């Protein structure tokens, strides 16, 4: 009896096809997430390439789902693939660490050790005298590569733990002093598809 039940079970429709749909959705949603990130960072030349493969995969997946409208496993795989693809896309973007960020540091303490440490790490910086609500303060501005944010935050915690700081994205910058780039997967993409200049 068990043999007759499992013998008639459609493994492809209920197991293989949902798995294919799941991983296909992970791929196309990850590409979509990266496409939006590349647009926001100004890497416009790679966006059409990502968009082409994203839509191609999506059309293939939707066609398979439409052919199996009575298969609940396909619906679940489609939704699960979308959720997982969003997460995977964000993880990839985080690992690539695209773009620049500005760190604004405000302190009413002696910041000579912090500025010295920033210079030693080859981070460009600007030091400004300012007036805060409690009296005179020093403001330090430094524009750094996103992958270096954590190291700068650690320097702040070590040399000026009571300082206030904020981190924001930088759309575009000109000139500046930056740490040397280490080789990465994104460096190759960056050379092939340089960021477009804003008009």
Protein backbone atom coordinates (compact mmCIF):
# COMPACT_ATOMS: atom_id res chain seq x y z
CA UNK A 1 0.00 0.00 0.00
CA UNK A 2 2.79 2.42 0.95
CA UNK A 3 4.56 1.54 -2.26
CA UNK A 4 1.47 2.44 -4.29
CA UNK A 5 1.10 5.78 -2.46
CA UNK A 6 4.74 6.87 -2.85
CA UNK A 7 4.92 5.39 -6.30
CA UNK A 8 2.20 7.73 -7.53
CA UNK A 9 3.57 10.79 -5.72
CA UNK A 10 4.68 13.56 -8.10
CA UNK A 11 8.13 14.35 -6.71
CA UNK A 12 8.94 16.91 -9.39
CA UNK A 13 5.82 19.05 -8.90
CA UNK A 14 5.85 18.99 -5.09
CA UNK A 15 9.56 18.89 -4.25
CA UNK A 16 11.90 19.60 -7.18
CA UNK A 17 9.90 22.44 -8.77
CA UNK A 18 9.34 24.36 -5.48
CA UNK A 19 13.07 24.11 -4.72
CA UNK A 20 13.90 25.49 -8.18
CA UNK A 21 11.39 28.32 -7.70
CA UNK A 22 12.78 29.12 -4.26
CA UNK A 23 16.41 29.45 -5.37
CA UNK A 24 15.43 31.30 -8.54
CA UNK A 25 13.54 33.85 -6.47
CA UNK A 26 16.51 34.19 -4.13
CA UNK A 27 18.67 35.02 -7.16
CA UNK A 28 16.35 37.53 -8.83
CA UNK A 29 15.38 39.35 -5.62
CA UNK A 30 19.05 39.55 -4.57
CA UNK A 31 19.85 41.07 -7.96
CA UNK A 32 16.97 43.52 -7.53
CA UNK A 33 18.23 44.58 -4.11
CA UNK A 34 21.74 45.10 -5.45
CA UNK A 35 20.35 47.00 -8.45
CA UNK A 36 18.67 49.54 -6.17
CA UNK A 37 21.85 49.89 -4.12
CA UNK A 38 23.98 50.45 -7.24
CA UNK A 39 21.51 53.12 -8.42
CA UNK A 40 21.73 54.97 -5.10
CA UNK A 41 25.54 54.78 -5.14
CA UNK A 42 25.81 56.07 -8.70
CA UNK A 43 27.08 52.89 -10.40
CA UNK A 44 24.69 53.24 -13.31
CA UNK A 45 26.53 51.21 -15.95
CA UNK A 46 26.07 47.89 -14.14
CA UNK A 47 22.36 48.52 -13.39
CA UNK A 48 21.02 47.46 -16.85
CA UNK A 49 23.04 44.22 -16.66
CA UNK A 50 21.57 43.35 -13.26
CA UNK A 51 18.09 44.37 -14.45
CA UNK A 52 18.31 42.09 -17.49
CA UNK A 53 19.10 38.95 -15.50
CA UNK A 54 16.70 39.90 -12.71
CA UNK A 55 13.71 40.15 -15.07
CA UNK A 56 14.79 37.09 -17.10
CA UNK A 57 14.84 34.90 -13.98
CA UNK A 58 11.56 36.42 -12.73
CA UNK A 59 9.73 35.68 -16.00
CA UNK A 60 10.89 32.05 -15.96
CA UNK A 61 9.79 31.61 -12.34
CA UNK A 62 6.37 33.23 -12.85
CA UNK A 63 5.77 31.05 -15.92
CA UNK A 64 6.37 27.94 -13.83
CA UNK A 65 4.06 29.15 -11.06
CA UNK A 66 1.28 29.94 -13.54
CA UNK A 67 1.56 26.42 -14.93
CA UNK A 68 1.06 25.00 -11.44
CA UNK A 69 -1.70 27.15 -9.95
CA UNK A 70 -3.06 24.23 -7.93
CA UNK A 71 0.31 23.55 -6.29
CA UNK A 72 0.46 25.26 -2.88
CA UNK A 73 4.14 24.32 -2.52
CA UNK A 74 4.99 26.62 -5.44
CA UNK A 75 3.28 29.56 -3.72
CA UNK A 76 5.17 28.93 -0.49
CA UNK A 77 8.47 28.56 -2.35
CA UNK A 78 7.82 31.80 -4.26
CA UNK A 79 7.14 33.78 -1.06
CA UNK A 80 9.99 32.19 0.88
CA UNK A 81 12.39 32.87 -1.99
CA UNK A 82 11.37 36.53 -2.05
CA UNK A 83 11.98 36.94 1.70
CA UNK A 84 15.29 35.07 1.61
CA UNK A 85 16.45 36.94 -1.51
CA UNK A 86 15.88 40.29 0.19
CA UNK A 87 17.98 39.18 3.15
CA UNK A 88 20.73 37.71 0.96
CA UNK A 89 20.86 40.85 -1.19
CA UNK A 90 21.37 43.02 1.88
CA UNK A 91 24.08 40.69 3.17
CA UNK A 92 25.94 40.89 -0.15
CA UNK A 93 25.64 44.68 -0.20
CA UNK A 94 26.97 44.84 3.35
CA UNK A 95 29.96 42.69 2.44
CA UNK A 96 30.72 44.85 -0.60
CA UNK A 97 30.58 47.97 1.64
CA UNK A 98 29.90 50.35 -1.24
CA UNK A 99 30.44 54.08 -1.20
CA UNK A 100 31.61 56.72 1.23
CA UNK A 101 30.30 57.93 4.56
CA UNK A 102 30.94 61.03 6.61
CA UNK A 103 31.51 60.82 10.35
CA UNK A 104 30.87 63.99 12.37
CA UNK A 105 32.49 63.96 15.78
CA UNK A 106 31.65 66.57 18.44
CA UNK A 107 33.55 66.70 21.71
CA UNK A 108 34.28 69.15 24.52
CA UNK A 109 37.34 67.16 25.58
CA UNK A 110 40.91 67.27 24.33
CA UNK A 111 40.84 65.52 20.95
CA UNK A 112 44.52 65.69 20.04
CA UNK A 113 45.04 61.94 20.51
CA UNK A 114 42.01 61.17 18.33
CA UNK A 115 43.08 63.48 15.49
CA UNK A 116 46.60 62.05 15.64
CA UNK A 117 45.23 58.51 15.45
CA UNK A 118 43.03 59.45 12.46
CA UNK A 119 46.03 60.92 10.63
CA UNK A 120 48.12 57.85 11.39
CA UNK A 121 45.42 55.70 9.80
CA UNK A 122 45.53 58.03 6.76
CA UNK A 123 41.97 59.30 7.24
CA UNK A 124 41.45 62.80 5.90
CA UNK A 125 39.84 65.09 8.48
CA UNK A 126 38.82 68.68 9.16
CA UNK A 127 38.90 70.15 12.68
CA UNK A 128 36.58 73.07 13.45
CA UNK A 129 36.02 75.16 16.58
CA UNK A 130 32.32 75.41 17.40
CA UNK A 131 29.93 76.42 20.14
CA UNK A 132 27.65 73.84 21.74
CA UNK A 133 24.76 74.20 24.18
CA UNK A 134 27.17 73.64 27.10
CA UNK A 135 30.06 75.73 25.79
CA UNK A 136 32.90 75.50 23.26
CA UNK A 137 33.42 72.21 21.44
CA UNK A 138 35.57 70.73 18.69
CA UNK A 139 34.00 69.31 15.53
CA UNK A 140 35.86 66.74 13.48
CA UNK A 141 34.66 65.87 9.98
CA UNK A 142 36.07 62.84 8.18
CA UNK A 143 34.84 61.28 4.92
CA UNK A 144 35.84 57.62 4.78
CA UNK A 145 35.16 54.46 2.86
CA UNK A 146 32.21 52.60 4.31
CA UNK A 147 34.32 49.53 5.10
CA UNK A 148 36.45 51.69 7.44
CA UNK A 149 33.57 53.06 9.55
CA UNK A 150 33.93 50.46 12.29
CA UNK A 151 37.67 51.10 12.69
CA UNK A 152 37.05 54.86 13.07
CA UNK A 153 34.27 54.23 15.60
CA UNK A 154 36.73 52.10 17.58
CA UNK A 155 39.26 54.95 17.52
CA UNK A 156 36.59 57.31 18.88
CA UNK A 157 35.76 54.86 21.67
CA UNK A 158 39.44 54.47 22.54
CA UNK A 159 40.57 58.11 22.49
CA UNK A 160 37.35 60.09 23.10
CA UNK A 161 34.68 57.75 24.51
CA UNK A 162 32.39 60.61 25.61
CA UNK A 163 32.31 62.22 22.16
CA UNK A 164 29.10 62.46 20.17
CA UNK A 165 29.31 61.22 16.59
CA UNK A 166 26.98 60.64 13.66
CA UNK A 167 27.43 58.65 10.44
CA UNK A 168 25.77 59.53 7.12
CA UNK A 169 26.04 58.43 3.50
CA UNK A 170 27.90 60.55 0.96
CA UNK A 171 26.45 60.63 -2.54
CA UNK A 172 29.52 62.10 -4.21
CA UNK A 173 32.92 63.52 -3.24
CA UNK A 174 35.85 65.17 -4.96
CA UNK A 175 39.50 64.68 -3.97
CA UNK A 176 40.27 63.80 -0.35
CA UNK A 177 42.59 61.57 1.65
CA UNK A 178 41.61 57.91 1.98
CA UNK A 179 43.17 54.69 3.16
CA UNK A 180 44.48 52.44 0.41
CA UNK A 181 41.91 49.99 -0.99
CA UNK A 182 42.51 46.32 -0.41
CA UNK A 183 41.69 43.97 -3.27
CA UNK A 184 38.10 42.77 -3.17
CA UNK A 185 35.44 41.27 -5.40
CA UNK A 186 33.84 44.67 -5.79
CA UNK A 187 37.09 46.34 -6.92
CA UNK A 188 36.90 44.40 -10.19
CA UNK A 189 33.27 45.43 -10.70
CA UNK A 190 34.18 49.02 -9.87
CA UNK A 191 36.85 49.05 -12.59
CA UNK A 192 34.51 47.50 -15.17
CA UNK A 193 31.53 49.71 -14.29
CA UNK A 194 32.78 53.02 -12.82
CA UNK A 195 30.30 55.25 -11.04
CA UNK A 196 28.55 57.71 -13.34
CA UNK A 197 29.10 61.40 -12.71
CA UNK A 198 26.14 63.37 -11.43
CA UNK A 199 24.97 66.18 -13.65
